[in-house]
Protein backbone atom coordinates (compact mmCIF):
# COMPACT_ATOMS: atom_id res chain seq x y z
CA UNK A 1 159.56 221.84 163.31
CA UNK A 2 156.14 220.38 164.02
CA UNK A 3 155.56 219.54 167.69
CA UNK A 4 152.65 217.21 168.28
CA UNK A 5 149.94 216.80 165.64
CA UNK A 6 149.71 213.28 167.14
CA UNK A 7 152.90 211.98 165.43
CA UNK A 8 155.11 212.21 162.39
CA UNK A 9 153.79 208.81 161.33
CA UNK A 10 150.23 210.12 161.01
CA UNK A 11 151.47 213.33 159.43
CA UNK A 12 153.26 211.21 156.81
CA UNK A 13 150.51 208.65 156.26
CA UNK A 14 147.62 211.12 156.44
CA UNK A 15 144.86 210.74 158.98
CA UNK A 16 142.05 208.43 157.89
CA UNK A 17 138.63 209.82 157.12
CA UNK A 18 136.61 210.04 160.37
CA UNK A 19 134.46 207.03 161.09
CA UNK A 20 130.97 207.37 162.46
CA UNK A 21 130.42 207.89 166.17
CA UNK A 22 128.05 206.05 168.47
CA UNK A 23 124.56 207.51 168.07
CA UNK A 24 122.50 206.40 171.04
CA UNK A 25 122.34 202.99 172.72
CA UNK A 26 123.12 199.70 171.01
CA UNK A 27 123.55 195.99 171.75
CA UNK A 28 126.33 193.74 170.49
CA UNK A 29 128.08 190.47 171.32
CA UNK A 30 131.48 191.91 172.24
CA UNK A 31 132.33 195.52 173.07
CA UNK A 32 136.01 196.45 172.91
CA UNK A 33 137.05 199.70 174.59
CA UNK A 34 140.05 201.23 172.82
CA UNK A 35 140.84 201.51 169.12
CA UNK A 36 144.58 200.92 169.30
CA UNK A 37 146.34 197.77 168.19
CA UNK A 38 145.30 195.79 171.29
CA UNK A 39 141.63 196.38 170.60
CA UNK A 40 141.94 196.06 166.83
CA UNK A 41 143.95 192.82 166.90
CA UNK A 42 141.43 191.40 169.40
CA UNK A 43 138.53 192.37 167.16
CA UNK A 44 140.30 190.99 164.09
CA UNK A 45 140.93 187.67 165.86
CA UNK A 46 137.38 187.40 167.24
CA UNK A 47 135.81 188.03 163.85
CA UNK A 48 138.10 185.44 162.29
CA UNK A 49 137.27 182.80 164.89
CA UNK A 50 133.51 183.44 164.79
CA UNK A 51 132.25 185.50 161.83
CA UNK A 52 128.74 185.56 163.33
CA UNK A 53 129.83 187.73 166.26
CA UNK A 54 128.77 191.36 166.35
CA UNK A 55 131.98 193.06 167.52
CA UNK A 56 132.05 196.80 168.28
CA UNK A 57 135.19 198.83 168.98
CA UNK A 58 134.79 202.17 170.79
CA UNK A 59 137.50 204.83 170.33
CA UNK A 60 137.61 208.30 171.89
CA UNK A 61 139.56 209.93 169.02
CA UNK A 62 140.40 207.86 165.93
CA UNK A 63 141.76 204.33 165.54
CA UNK A 64 145.48 204.46 166.25
CA UNK A 65 145.46 207.85 167.98
CA UNK A 66 147.46 206.59 170.97
CA UNK A 67 150.73 204.68 171.25
CA UNK A 68 149.82 202.42 168.33
CA UNK A 69 150.34 205.33 165.94
CA UNK A 70 153.20 207.03 167.78
CA UNK A 71 155.75 204.34 168.69
CA UNK A 72 159.24 203.66 167.37
CA UNK A 73 158.16 201.08 164.80
CA UNK A 74 159.94 198.13 166.44
CA UNK A 75 158.06 194.95 165.58
CA UNK A 76 160.23 193.02 168.02
CA UNK A 77 160.10 189.85 170.08
CA UNK A 78 161.33 191.63 173.20
CA UNK A 79 159.57 190.35 176.29
CA UNK A 80 157.38 192.82 178.18
CA UNK A 81 158.53 192.45 181.77
CA UNK A 82 160.68 190.21 183.94
CA UNK A 83 161.48 186.61 183.08
CA UNK A 84 161.86 185.87 186.78
CA UNK A 85 158.39 187.16 187.60
CA UNK A 86 156.73 185.12 184.87
CA UNK A 87 158.71 182.07 185.97
CA UNK A 88 157.53 182.50 189.56
CA UNK A 89 154.07 181.31 188.50
CA UNK A 90 154.76 179.25 185.36
CA UNK A 91 158.34 178.05 185.63
CA UNK A 92 161.12 178.21 183.10
CA UNK A 93 158.99 176.46 180.48
CA UNK A 94 156.36 179.17 180.70
CA UNK A 95 158.95 181.86 180.03
CA UNK A 96 160.41 180.09 177.00
CA UNK A 97 156.90 179.44 175.69
CA UNK A 98 156.08 183.16 175.93
CA UNK A 99 159.33 184.14 174.21
CA UNK A 100 158.70 181.62 171.42
CA UNK A 101 155.17 182.96 170.99
CA UNK A 102 156.55 186.49 170.73
CA UNK A 103 159.08 185.45 168.10
CA UNK A 104 156.35 183.73 166.11
CA UNK A 105 154.12 186.79 166.42
CA UNK A 106 156.66 188.92 164.55
CA UNK A 107 156.27 186.64 161.54
CA UNK A 108 152.51 186.37 162.07
CA UNK A 109 152.13 190.14 161.79
CA UNK A 110 154.20 190.09 158.60
CA UNK A 111 151.91 187.41 157.22
CA UNK A 112 148.80 189.45 158.04
CA UNK A 113 150.35 192.43 156.27
CA UNK A 114 150.97 190.25 153.21
CA UNK A 115 147.56 188.55 153.18
CA UNK A 116 145.59 191.74 153.93
CA UNK A 117 147.58 193.96 151.58
CA UNK A 118 148.82 196.26 154.36
CA UNK A 119 151.71 198.38 153.06
CA UNK A 120 153.43 199.52 156.27
CA UNK A 121 157.05 199.83 155.09
CA UNK A 122 157.78 196.50 156.80
CA UNK A 123 161.30 195.08 156.47
CA UNK A 124 162.60 192.30 158.73
CA UNK A 125 166.31 193.05 159.14
CA UNK A 126 166.57 192.42 162.90
CA UNK A 127 167.55 194.63 165.81
CA UNK A 128 170.98 195.85 166.90
CA UNK A 129 171.80 197.01 170.43
CA UNK A 130 175.03 198.93 170.89
CA UNK A 131 177.20 199.85 173.87
CA UNK A 132 178.99 203.21 173.87
CA UNK A 133 180.72 203.13 177.27
CA UNK A 134 182.50 200.45 179.34
CA UNK A 135 179.56 200.30 181.76
CA UNK A 136 177.08 199.88 178.90
CA UNK A 137 179.24 197.08 177.50
CA UNK A 138 179.16 195.26 180.85
CA UNK A 139 175.37 195.69 181.11
CA UNK A 140 174.86 194.53 177.52
CA UNK A 141 176.96 191.41 178.13
CA UNK A 142 175.13 190.70 181.38
CA UNK A 143 171.81 190.87 179.53
CA UNK A 144 173.05 188.59 176.78
CA UNK A 145 174.40 186.07 179.30
CA UNK A 146 171.11 186.12 181.21
CA UNK A 147 169.13 185.42 178.03
CA UNK A 148 171.46 182.57 177.10
CA UNK A 149 171.15 181.10 180.60
CA UNK A 150 167.39 180.96 180.04
CA UNK A 151 167.90 179.29 176.66
CA UNK A 152 166.78 182.42 174.83
CA UNK A 153 168.62 183.36 171.66
CA UNK A 154 171.21 180.61 171.90
CA UNK A 155 170.86 179.74 168.21
CA UNK A 156 170.94 183.26 166.77
CA UNK A 157 171.61 186.08 169.26
CA UNK A 158 175.29 186.97 169.40
CA UNK A 159 177.70 189.64 170.55
CA UNK A 160 179.30 191.75 167.82
CA UNK A 161 182.67 193.47 167.80
CA UNK A 162 182.84 197.20 167.04
CA UNK A 163 183.96 196.30 163.52
CA UNK A 164 180.97 194.00 163.02
CA UNK A 165 178.62 196.69 164.30
CA UNK A 166 180.19 199.12 161.84
CA UNK A 167 179.41 196.79 158.96
CA UNK A 168 175.70 197.46 159.68
CA UNK A 169 175.76 201.02 161.01
CA UNK A 170 178.56 203.33 162.15
CA UNK A 171 177.70 204.63 165.61
CA UNK A 172 180.12 207.09 167.19
CA UNK A 173 182.06 205.62 170.11
CA UNK A 174 180.66 202.10 169.80
CA UNK A 175 182.41 199.44 171.89
CA UNK A 176 180.28 196.45 170.92
CA UNK A 177 176.81 195.25 170.08
CA UNK A 178 174.27 192.45 170.15
CA UNK A 179 172.15 191.47 167.16
CA UNK A 180 168.89 189.50 166.98
CA UNK A 181 166.97 188.71 163.78
CA UNK A 182 163.59 188.73 165.53
CA UNK A 183 162.59 192.29 164.71
CA UNK A 184 161.13 194.18 161.75
CA UNK A 185 160.86 197.85 160.95
CA UNK A 186 157.34 199.17 160.48
CA UNK A 187 155.61 202.50 159.91
CA UNK A 188 153.23 202.40 162.90
CA UNK A 189 150.40 204.58 161.55
CA UNK A 190 150.26 202.63 158.29
CA UNK A 191 150.14 199.36 160.25
CA UNK A 192 147.34 200.37 162.62
CA UNK A 193 145.32 201.90 159.78
CA UNK A 194 145.68 198.68 157.81
CA UNK A 195 144.67 196.48 160.75
CA UNK A 196 141.59 198.66 161.35
CA UNK A 197 140.52 198.28 157.72
CA UNK A 198 141.17 194.53 157.82
CA UNK A 199 139.00 194.19 160.93
CA UNK A 200 136.21 196.14 159.24
CA UNK A 201 136.38 193.82 156.24
CA UNK A 202 135.66 191.00 158.69
CA UNK A 203 132.53 192.82 159.87
CA UNK A 204 133.87 194.65 162.93
CA UNK A 205 132.27 198.03 163.65
CA UNK A 206 134.68 200.78 164.75
CA UNK A 207 132.95 203.78 166.32
CA UNK A 208 135.22 206.80 166.74
CA UNK A 209 134.82 210.12 168.61
CA UNK A 210 133.09 208.12 171.34
CA UNK A 211 134.66 208.55 174.77
CA UNK A 212 134.01 205.79 177.29
CA UNK A 213 133.31 207.09 180.79
CA UNK A 214 132.57 203.87 182.66
CA UNK A 215 132.90 200.10 182.22
CA UNK A 216 130.64 197.72 184.16
CA UNK A 217 129.66 194.07 183.63
CA UNK A 218 127.42 193.98 180.57
CA UNK A 219 127.40 197.71 179.86
CA UNK A 220 129.75 200.44 178.66
CA UNK A 221 128.74 204.05 179.28
CA UNK A 222 130.00 206.65 176.81
CA UNK A 223 129.57 210.33 176.05
CA UNK A 224 127.14 209.36 173.27
CA UNK A 225 125.09 206.50 174.71
CA UNK A 226 125.40 203.07 176.26
CA UNK A 227 126.58 199.83 174.70
CA UNK A 228 125.26 196.57 176.17
CA UNK A 229 127.32 193.43 175.60
CA UNK A 230 127.84 190.17 177.53
CA UNK A 231 131.60 190.52 176.94
CA UNK A 232 133.39 193.84 177.50
CA UNK A 233 137.13 193.99 176.82
CA UNK A 234 139.28 196.88 178.09
CA UNK A 235 142.17 197.63 175.69
CA UNK A 236 143.21 201.14 176.71
CA UNK A 237 146.88 200.51 177.60
CA UNK A 238 148.36 203.89 178.66
CA UNK A 239 144.90 205.50 178.83
CA UNK A 240 143.53 202.98 181.35
CA UNK A 241 143.89 205.51 184.19
CA UNK A 242 141.25 207.71 182.54
CA UNK A 243 138.49 205.36 183.71
CA UNK A 244 136.88 205.58 187.16
CA UNK A 245 138.51 203.12 189.53
CA UNK A 246 141.53 202.54 187.28
CA UNK A 247 143.69 205.55 188.23
CA UNK A 248 146.23 203.36 190.04
CA UNK A 249 146.02 200.22 187.86
CA UNK A 250 148.55 201.05 185.13
CA UNK A 251 150.79 204.08 185.21
CA UNK A 252 150.84 206.09 181.95
CA UNK A 253 154.56 206.39 181.15
CA UNK A 254 155.59 208.98 178.58
CA UNK A 255 157.97 208.38 175.69
CA UNK A 256 158.99 210.95 173.08
CA UNK A 257 160.39 210.90 169.56
CA UNK A 258 162.03 213.14 166.99
CA UNK A 259 162.57 212.59 163.28
CA UNK A 260 165.05 214.26 160.98
CA UNK A 261 164.53 215.63 157.55
CA UNK A 262 165.51 213.27 154.72
CA UNK A 263 169.26 212.85 155.05
CA UNK A 264 171.61 213.46 152.14
CA UNK A 265 173.43 210.66 150.36
CA UNK A 266 176.67 211.99 151.86
CA UNK A 267 175.26 211.71 155.38
CA UNK A 268 174.10 208.15 154.76
CA UNK A 269 177.51 207.26 153.33
CA UNK A 270 179.07 208.51 156.55
CA UNK A 271 176.56 206.68 158.76
CA UNK A 272 176.60 203.51 156.68
CA UNK A 273 173.09 202.43 157.73
CA UNK A 274 172.05 200.84 154.45
CA UNK A 275 169.65 198.23 155.87
CA UNK A 276 166.50 198.47 157.95
CA UNK A 277 167.87 197.18 161.26
CA UNK A 278 166.29 198.72 164.33
CA UNK A 279 168.83 200.32 166.62
CA UNK A 280 168.95 200.74 170.39
CA UNK A 281 171.60 201.57 172.96
CA UNK A 282 172.41 200.09 176.38
CA UNK A 283 172.00 203.22 178.49
CA UNK A 284 169.78 203.20 181.56
CA UNK A 285 167.56 205.88 180.01
CA UNK A 286 167.86 204.10 176.69
CA UNK A 287 167.06 205.29 173.19
CA UNK A 288 165.54 203.50 170.19
CA UNK A 289 165.78 204.37 166.50
CA UNK A 290 164.94 203.36 162.97
CA UNK A 291 165.96 204.35 159.47
CA UNK A 292 162.66 205.25 157.85
CA UNK A 293 161.64 204.08 154.40
CA UNK A 294 162.06 207.62 153.05
CA UNK A 295 165.58 208.12 154.39
CA UNK A 296 165.22 209.80 157.80
CA UNK A 297 166.28 208.79 161.29
CA UNK A 298 163.48 208.54 163.84
CA UNK A 299 164.80 208.36 167.41
CA UNK A 300 162.98 208.12 170.71
CA UNK A 301 163.52 207.99 174.45
CA UNK A 302 161.99 209.08 177.73
CA UNK A 303 161.10 212.74 178.09
CA UNK A 304 159.15 213.66 181.22
CA UNK A 305 158.43 210.05 182.18
CA UNK A 306 155.26 210.67 184.17
CA UNK A 307 152.82 213.54 184.62
CA UNK A 308 151.31 214.09 188.06
CA UNK A 309 147.90 212.52 188.53
CA UNK A 310 148.31 210.15 185.55
CA UNK A 311 147.69 212.98 183.11
CA UNK A 312 148.51 212.46 179.44
CA UNK A 313 149.77 214.69 176.64
CA UNK A 314 147.73 217.03 174.45
CA UNK A 315 147.75 215.86 170.82
CA UNK A 316 151.28 214.48 171.15
CA UNK A 317 153.01 217.73 172.10
CA UNK A 318 156.26 217.34 174.02
CA UNK A 319 158.62 219.67 175.89
CA UNK A 320 161.40 221.70 174.26
CA UNK A 321 164.02 220.27 176.60
CA UNK A 322 162.97 216.74 175.61
CA UNK A 323 163.48 217.62 171.95
CA UNK A 324 166.91 219.07 172.81
CA UNK A 325 167.87 215.99 174.82
CA UNK A 326 166.90 213.58 172.03
CA UNK A 327 168.65 215.76 169.47
CA UNK A 328 171.84 215.63 171.54
CA UNK A 329 171.62 211.82 171.61
CA UNK A 330 171.09 211.74 167.84
CA UNK A 331 174.08 214.02 167.18
CA UNK A 332 176.25 212.07 169.62
CA UNK A 333 175.52 208.77 167.89
CA UNK A 334 175.62 210.18 164.35
CA UNK A 335 177.74 213.34 164.00
CA UNK A 336 176.77 213.51 160.31
CA UNK A 337 173.25 214.59 161.38
CA UNK A 338 174.39 217.79 163.12
CA UNK A 339 173.60 219.90 160.10
CA UNK A 340 170.26 218.18 159.47
CA UNK A 341 166.93 219.70 160.47
CA UNK A 342 164.58 218.07 162.99
CA UNK A 343 161.24 217.97 161.19
CA UNK A 344 158.86 216.65 163.84
CA UNK A 345 158.69 215.86 167.57
CA UNK A 346 155.92 214.11 169.49
CA UNK A 347 155.20 211.94 172.51
CA UNK A 348 152.73 209.35 173.77
CA UNK A 349 151.97 207.13 176.74
CA UNK A 350 152.47 203.44 177.44
CA UNK A 351 150.95 201.37 180.24
CA UNK A 352 153.12 200.27 183.18
CA UNK A 353 151.75 197.80 185.78
CA UNK A 354 153.20 197.85 189.29
CA UNK A 355 155.28 194.72 188.61
CA UNK A 356 156.28 195.93 185.09
CA UNK A 357 154.85 192.77 183.44
CA UNK A 358 152.16 192.65 180.74
CA UNK A 359 148.90 190.80 181.30
CA UNK A 360 145.87 189.46 179.46
CA UNK A 361 142.79 188.33 181.33
CA UNK A 362 139.10 187.51 181.20
CA UNK A 363 136.61 186.87 184.00
CA UNK A 364 133.78 184.59 182.79
CA UNK A 365 131.66 185.49 185.83
CA UNK A 366 131.49 189.16 184.84
CA UNK A 367 132.31 189.04 181.13
CA UNK A 368 135.05 191.62 181.67
CA UNK A 369 138.47 191.24 180.07
CA UNK A 370 141.63 193.27 179.54
CA UNK A 371 144.99 193.34 177.79
CA UNK A 372 147.93 195.69 178.18
CA UNK A 373 150.76 196.83 180.40
CA UNK A 374 153.35 196.32 177.65
CA UNK A 375 155.92 198.70 179.19
CA UNK A 376 157.05 199.99 175.80
CA UNK A 377 157.29 196.67 173.97
CA UNK A 378 153.79 196.63 172.58
CA UNK A 379 153.95 196.66 168.81
CA UNK A 380 154.27 192.87 168.53
CA UNK A 381 152.83 192.13 171.97
CA UNK A 382 149.48 193.66 171.00
CA UNK A 383 149.06 191.02 168.30
CA UNK A 384 149.79 188.13 170.65
CA UNK A 385 147.65 189.70 173.38
CA UNK A 386 144.75 190.22 170.99
CA UNK A 387 144.77 186.60 169.87
CA UNK A 388 145.02 185.45 173.50
CA UNK A 389 142.19 187.70 174.67
CA UNK A 390 140.00 186.48 171.82
CA UNK A 391 140.60 182.87 172.85
CA UNK A 392 139.81 183.68 176.49
CA UNK A 393 136.63 185.57 175.61
CA UNK A 394 135.41 182.62 173.54
CA UNK A 395 136.37 180.08 176.25
CA UNK A 396 138.86 178.39 173.92
CA UNK A 397 141.49 176.21 175.62
CA UNK A 398 144.62 176.86 173.55
CA UNK A 399 148.37 177.11 174.05
CA UNK A 400 147.96 180.89 174.19
CA UNK A 401 145.54 180.79 177.14
CA UNK A 402 148.18 178.97 179.21
CA UNK A 403 150.95 181.53 178.73
CA UNK A 404 152.30 183.00 181.99
CA UNK A 405 150.88 186.49 181.45
CA UNK A 406 147.28 185.25 181.46
CA UNK A 407 145.21 186.48 184.42
CA UNK A 408 148.15 188.07 186.23
CA UNK A 409 147.01 190.06 189.24
CA UNK A 410 149.36 192.66 190.72
CA UNK A 411 149.03 195.33 193.37
CA UNK A 412 148.06 198.85 192.42
CA UNK A 413 150.37 201.83 192.17
CA UNK A 414 150.70 204.06 195.21
CA UNK A 415 148.44 207.13 195.49
CA UNK A 416 149.78 210.57 194.63
CA UNK A 417 152.17 212.11 195.33
CA UNK A 418 154.04 208.88 196.07
CA UNK A 419 153.91 207.45 192.55
CA UNK A 420 154.95 210.78 190.99
CA UNK A 421 157.86 211.06 193.41
CA UNK A 422 158.88 207.43 192.86
CA UNK A 423 158.91 207.55 189.05
CA UNK A 424 160.57 210.97 189.01
CA UNK A 425 163.27 209.69 191.38
CA UNK A 426 163.77 206.54 189.29
CA UNK A 427 164.49 208.44 186.10
CA UNK A 428 166.56 211.00 187.96
CA UNK A 429 168.73 208.16 189.19
CA UNK A 430 168.91 206.67 185.68
CA UNK A 431 170.05 209.95 184.16
CA UNK A 432 172.67 210.52 186.83
CA UNK A 433 173.84 206.92 186.37
CA UNK A 434 174.19 207.54 182.63
CA UNK A 435 176.18 210.72 183.30
CA UNK A 436 178.57 208.85 185.58
CA UNK A 437 178.90 205.95 183.17
CA UNK A 438 179.53 208.37 180.32
CA UNK A 439 182.42 209.85 182.26
CA UNK A 440 184.19 206.49 182.19
CA UNK A 441 182.77 204.39 185.03
CA UNK A 442 183.97 200.85 184.34
CA UNK A 443 180.87 199.11 185.68
CA UNK A 444 177.12 199.83 185.67
CA UNK A 445 176.28 202.51 188.21
CA UNK A 446 174.67 201.36 191.44
CA UNK A 447 172.31 204.32 191.12
CA UNK A 448 170.45 202.52 188.32
CA UNK A 449 169.95 199.47 190.50
CA UNK A 450 168.64 201.73 193.23
CA UNK A 451 166.18 203.18 190.72
CA UNK A 452 165.01 199.67 189.79
CA UNK A 453 164.44 198.74 193.44
CA UNK A 454 162.66 202.02 194.13
CA UNK A 455 159.84 201.28 191.70
CA UNK A 456 159.99 197.48 191.58
CA UNK A 457 161.15 197.41 187.98
C-alpha cells in the first residue's frame, strides 16, 4: 500500500511537468496566492472577464498539491456552513440564493469541463446519504425536514426506503436514505490539472515552487523574490495558517482517504453499485465515498482531525490507525470488500473558520482579498467563490457579490493549546456518540450536540 505521495488521484493521473518558478521580482495586475481550485478558478474568471489583465498565481508546490487534488471527488451543492448564520445577516432569501448558486455551479463546472475539453471522469448521478442505525435515521430525517422547511430540495430531494437505497447500492445494515441529484463524481487531480491548463490558455501565469512568506497591501514576499500588484488575493484554504498573522484565522482540519484495488465483477455484483452516485453516511464522524471510473471504492473520513500548532501533513502521509479505521468502515458497509487490497492512503487539510461558514471578501482600500473556509465542501464552492472574488476584485456589482458569504468577518480561533484541546474533544465526543448510537441508541446522542456547542459548529 502506498501511504502519501500526495494522493491516489495524482498517482493515477500522473503529476504534471513542473512549471517555472518565480525568478526575482515582478509586477502584475493581480497576484493570487495559492494554486488550488480557489486560486485557479479566480484566475480563470478574471482572465475571462478582462483578457488584458496580467494575472499571476503563486504556488508553493505544484498546482493542485493541496485539498484540490486530494478530496473525495464530490462536485456537490452542499452548503458550506450554517443556514442560520447566513440568514442572520441576509435573511432567508440570502440562504436560498446561495443554495441556488451552488446548485447552478455544479452544472457550470460540468460546462467548463465540456467547453475546455477537461476529461475528469465526471458523471452527474447525484448523491446518496444512508442511515445505518436508528439514531442516524432520526438525524437524517431531521436534516431533510430542516432543508424542506427552508424551501431547499422540495422539488427533488426525497427520503428513500431501504429497498430503494438497495436499487442504487447495497449497503450493509441500511435503514434508509436521502437522494439529491445535485452532485457529480469527479477525479479531483484531473479536474484541477485541467482548470490550470484552461487558465493558462487565457493568459494566466502559474509560478510553482514559489513559497509565499508574507502578504501585504500591494506586495507579496516569497522565497524567490517579490511580486508587486495592486490586487492581492489569498486563496490558501487549509494552508492559510502558514502565513504570519493568520495562524488563528482558519483552522487546518485533516481528512483522510483510502482506495481499494480494482474490485472483481463478483464483488460489484454483490455491492450493486452500478452508477456513479456519491455515497455518504449519517454518522457524526461521517464518511464519504465514490465508485471510481476504473472500478475501485475511494472512501474518506476524519483521521487525526487537527495537529497541534496548525501543522499540516508531509506529502499526504496519514497514520496507520486512520487507515485501519477507514478500512473497518469500508468493510462494515461493503462486506464484499474484505478480501480486497487497499492500494493507497493519504490525507489533506481543509480550512475551518471559527463560525464554520465559508467567506469571500475584498477590501478596495488595501487591494487585499480572500476566499475559503469551505469546511470540507469545497470542490464546487471553489468555483462559485472564484467567480465571486473575481467580480469583487473588478468592482463588479453582480448577484454573486450580494450573496451572504461575501465579506463575512468572524472571530479568530483560540490560541494553543485551547484550540487543539477543543477540536480533539469535539471529535472524541463524536466518536463516542457514534459508538453509543451503533449499540442501538434510538435517538442521536447528546454527546454530539455537546461537541457542536464546544467548538461553535
